[in-house]
Amino acid sequence: MRCGYRAVHALPLRVQHRTIGAVNLLLGRPGALPESDLSLAQALADVAALALVHWTPDPLRPTDIDTRT
């Protein structure tokens, strides 16, 4: 609260219906998120989970972009 946060929402990072972590949204005012904001935030968390699962430390080569899209 000293930093100005009054609410936190935890969203699961999910891959194939399995939770692998969480994303925390810190808000400056208390209360629930509107349903549309919650849906968007969960969609972003789902994309982040997929990115984490498919992340590789190897640098991308120019041909990787063509083969991965």
N, C-alpha and C. Protein backbone atom coordinates (compact mmCIF):
# COMPACT_ATOMS: atom_id res chain seq x y z
N MET A 1 0.82 -1.19 0.00
CA MET A 1 0.00 0.00 0.00
C MET A 1 0.87 1.25 0.00
N ARG A 2 2.07 1.17 0.57
CA ARG A 2 2.97 2.33 0.57
C ARG A 2 3.33 2.76 -0.84
N CYS A 3 3.31 1.84 -1.79
CA CYS A 3 3.65 2.15 -3.18
C CYS A 3 2.44 2.60 -3.99
N GLY A 4 1.27 2.63 -3.38
CA GLY A 4 0.09 3.13 -4.07
C GLY A 4 -0.84 2.07 -4.62
N TYR A 5 -0.52 0.80 -4.40
CA TYR A 5 -1.39 -0.26 -4.91
C TYR A 5 -2.49 -0.57 -3.90
N ARG A 6 -3.69 -0.69 -4.40
CA ARG A 6 -4.83 -0.95 -3.52
C ARG A 6 -5.52 -2.28 -3.81
N ALA A 7 -5.14 -2.92 -4.92
CA ALA A 7 -5.75 -4.20 -5.28
C ALA A 7 -4.77 -5.00 -6.12
N VAL A 8 -4.90 -6.31 -6.06
CA VAL A 8 -4.10 -7.20 -6.90
C VAL A 8 -5.02 -8.27 -7.47
N HIS A 9 -4.80 -8.58 -8.73
CA HIS A 9 -5.54 -9.66 -9.40
C HIS A 9 -4.50 -10.64 -9.91
N ALA A 10 -4.65 -11.91 -9.59
CA ALA A 10 -3.74 -12.95 -10.06
C ALA A 10 -4.42 -13.74 -11.17
N LEU A 11 -3.74 -13.82 -12.31
CA LEU A 11 -4.27 -14.55 -13.46
C LEU A 11 -3.37 -15.74 -13.74
N PRO A 12 -3.94 -16.91 -13.97
CA PRO A 12 -3.09 -18.08 -14.21
C PRO A 12 -2.44 -18.04 -15.59
N LEU A 13 -1.20 -18.48 -15.63
CA LEU A 13 -0.52 -18.74 -16.90
C LEU A 13 -0.83 -20.20 -17.21
N ARG A 14 -1.61 -20.44 -18.26
CA ARG A 14 -2.09 -21.78 -18.56
C ARG A 14 -1.60 -22.25 -19.92
N VAL A 15 -1.26 -23.52 -19.97
CA VAL A 15 -0.91 -24.18 -21.22
C VAL A 15 -1.63 -25.52 -21.22
N GLN A 16 -2.53 -25.70 -22.17
CA GLN A 16 -3.32 -26.93 -22.30
C GLN A 16 -3.99 -27.28 -20.96
N HIS A 17 -4.67 -26.32 -20.40
CA HIS A 17 -5.45 -26.47 -19.16
C HIS A 17 -4.58 -26.78 -17.94
N ARG A 18 -3.29 -26.54 -18.04
CA ARG A 18 -2.37 -26.76 -16.92
C ARG A 18 -1.78 -25.42 -16.52
N THR A 19 -1.85 -25.10 -15.25
CA THR A 19 -1.31 -23.83 -14.75
C THR A 19 0.20 -23.97 -14.53
N ILE A 20 0.97 -23.07 -15.14
CA ILE A 20 2.42 -23.11 -15.01
C ILE A 20 2.97 -21.90 -14.25
N GLY A 21 2.09 -21.01 -13.84
CA GLY A 21 2.51 -19.82 -13.12
C GLY A 21 1.36 -18.84 -13.02
N ALA A 22 1.70 -17.59 -12.75
CA ALA A 22 0.66 -16.56 -12.61
C ALA A 22 1.21 -15.20 -13.02
N VAL A 23 0.30 -14.35 -13.44
CA VAL A 23 0.59 -12.94 -13.72
C VAL A 23 -0.21 -12.14 -12.71
N ASN A 24 0.45 -11.22 -12.03
CA ASN A 24 -0.23 -10.38 -11.05
C ASN A 24 -0.43 -8.98 -11.62
N LEU A 25 -1.67 -8.50 -11.55
CA LEU A 25 -1.98 -7.14 -11.95
C LEU A 25 -2.17 -6.30 -10.69
N LEU A 26 -1.38 -5.26 -10.55
CA LEU A 26 -1.46 -4.39 -9.39
C LEU A 26 -2.22 -3.13 -9.78
N LEU A 27 -3.25 -2.80 -9.01
CA LEU A 27 -4.10 -1.67 -9.33
C LEU A 27 -4.04 -0.61 -8.24
N GLY A 28 -4.21 0.61 -8.65
CA GLY A 28 -4.17 1.73 -7.72
C GLY A 28 -5.48 1.98 -7.00
N ARG A 29 -6.53 1.31 -7.41
CA ARG A 29 -7.82 1.49 -6.72
C ARG A 29 -8.42 0.11 -6.45
N PRO A 30 -9.12 -0.03 -5.35
CA PRO A 30 -9.71 -1.32 -5.02
C PRO A 30 -10.91 -1.64 -5.90
N GLY A 31 -11.22 -2.91 -5.99
CA GLY A 31 -12.40 -3.33 -6.72
C GLY A 31 -12.08 -4.36 -7.79
N ALA A 32 -13.13 -4.91 -8.33
CA ALA A 32 -12.99 -5.93 -9.36
C ALA A 32 -12.72 -5.30 -10.71
N LEU A 33 -12.09 -6.07 -11.56
CA LEU A 33 -11.89 -5.64 -12.95
C LEU A 33 -13.18 -5.84 -13.72
N PRO A 34 -13.48 -4.95 -14.65
CA PRO A 34 -14.62 -5.20 -15.53
C PRO A 34 -14.40 -6.51 -16.31
N GLU A 35 -15.46 -7.20 -16.65
CA GLU A 35 -15.35 -8.50 -17.33
C GLU A 35 -14.54 -8.39 -18.63
N SER A 36 -14.72 -7.32 -19.38
CA SER A 36 -13.97 -7.17 -20.63
C SER A 36 -12.47 -7.03 -20.36
N ASP A 37 -12.10 -6.30 -19.32
CA ASP A 37 -10.68 -6.16 -18.96
C ASP A 37 -10.11 -7.49 -18.47
N LEU A 38 -10.89 -8.21 -17.70
CA LEU A 38 -10.45 -9.50 -17.18
C LEU A 38 -10.23 -10.49 -18.33
N SER A 39 -11.13 -10.50 -19.30
CA SER A 39 -10.99 -11.40 -20.45
C SER A 39 -9.74 -11.06 -21.25
N LEU A 40 -9.50 -9.77 -21.47
CA LEU A 40 -8.32 -9.35 -22.21
C LEU A 40 -7.04 -9.70 -21.45
N ALA A 41 -7.04 -9.44 -20.16
CA ALA A 41 -5.87 -9.75 -19.35
C ALA A 41 -5.57 -11.25 -19.36
N GLN A 42 -6.60 -12.09 -19.29
CA GLN A 42 -6.39 -13.53 -19.33
C GLN A 42 -5.87 -13.97 -20.68
N ALA A 43 -6.36 -13.36 -21.75
CA ALA A 43 -5.86 -13.69 -23.09
C ALA A 43 -4.37 -13.34 -23.20
N LEU A 44 -3.97 -12.20 -22.66
CA LEU A 44 -2.56 -11.82 -22.68
C LEU A 44 -1.73 -12.78 -21.83
N ALA A 45 -2.26 -13.22 -20.69
CA ALA A 45 -1.56 -14.19 -19.86
C ALA A 45 -1.40 -15.52 -20.59
N ASP A 46 -2.43 -15.93 -21.34
CA ASP A 46 -2.35 -17.19 -22.10
C ASP A 46 -1.28 -17.09 -23.19
N VAL A 47 -1.18 -15.95 -23.87
CA VAL A 47 -0.15 -15.76 -24.88
C VAL A 47 1.23 -15.75 -24.23
N ALA A 48 1.36 -15.11 -23.08
CA ALA A 48 2.64 -15.09 -22.37
C ALA A 48 3.05 -16.51 -21.97
N ALA A 49 2.10 -17.33 -21.54
CA ALA A 49 2.41 -18.71 -21.16
C ALA A 49 2.93 -19.49 -22.36
N LEU A 50 2.29 -19.33 -23.50
CA LEU A 50 2.76 -20.02 -24.71
C LEU A 50 4.15 -19.55 -25.11
N ALA A 51 4.39 -18.25 -24.99
CA ALA A 51 5.71 -17.72 -25.32
C ALA A 51 6.78 -18.30 -24.39
N LEU A 52 6.46 -18.43 -23.11
CA LEU A 52 7.42 -19.02 -22.17
C LEU A 52 7.71 -20.47 -22.48
N VAL A 53 6.69 -21.22 -22.84
CA VAL A 53 6.87 -22.64 -23.14
C VAL A 53 7.70 -22.85 -24.40
N HIS A 54 7.53 -21.96 -25.38
CA HIS A 54 8.22 -22.12 -26.65
C HIS A 54 9.50 -21.29 -26.75
N TRP A 55 9.86 -20.63 -25.68
CA TRP A 55 11.05 -19.79 -25.69
C TRP A 55 12.31 -20.64 -25.79
N THR A 56 13.27 -20.14 -26.54
CA THR A 56 14.57 -20.78 -26.66
C THR A 56 15.65 -19.72 -26.51
N PRO A 57 16.73 -20.04 -25.83
CA PRO A 57 17.79 -19.05 -25.66
C PRO A 57 18.61 -18.82 -26.92
N ASP A 58 18.44 -19.68 -27.93
CA ASP A 58 19.20 -19.52 -29.17
C ASP A 58 18.71 -18.29 -29.93
N PRO A 59 19.63 -17.51 -30.48
CA PRO A 59 19.20 -16.34 -31.25
C PRO A 59 18.48 -16.78 -32.53
N LEU A 60 17.51 -15.98 -32.95
CA LEU A 60 16.78 -16.27 -34.18
C LEU A 60 17.65 -16.00 -35.40
N ARG A 61 17.51 -16.86 -36.38
CA ARG A 61 18.15 -16.63 -37.67
C ARG A 61 17.08 -16.04 -38.60
N PRO A 62 17.47 -15.33 -39.62
CA PRO A 62 16.47 -14.75 -40.54
C PRO A 62 15.52 -15.79 -41.11
N THR A 63 15.98 -17.00 -41.35
CA THR A 63 15.10 -18.04 -41.91
C THR A 63 14.13 -18.59 -40.89
N ASP A 64 14.40 -18.43 -39.60
CA ASP A 64 13.48 -18.93 -38.55
C ASP A 64 12.12 -18.26 -38.62
N ILE A 65 12.10 -16.99 -38.93
CA ILE A 65 10.83 -16.26 -38.97
C ILE A 65 9.93 -16.83 -40.06
N ASP A 66 10.52 -17.14 -41.21
CA ASP A 66 9.73 -17.73 -42.30
C ASP A 66 9.21 -19.11 -41.94
N THR A 67 10.03 -19.92 -41.28
CA THR A 67 9.61 -21.29 -40.98
C THR A 67 8.68 -21.38 -39.79
N ARG A 68 8.67 -20.38 -38.91
CA ARG A 68 7.83 -20.43 -37.71
C ARG A 68 6.49 -19.75 -37.87
N THR A 69 6.29 -19.04 -38.97
CA THR A 69 5.00 -18.36 -39.16
C THR A 69 4.20 -18.98 -40.28
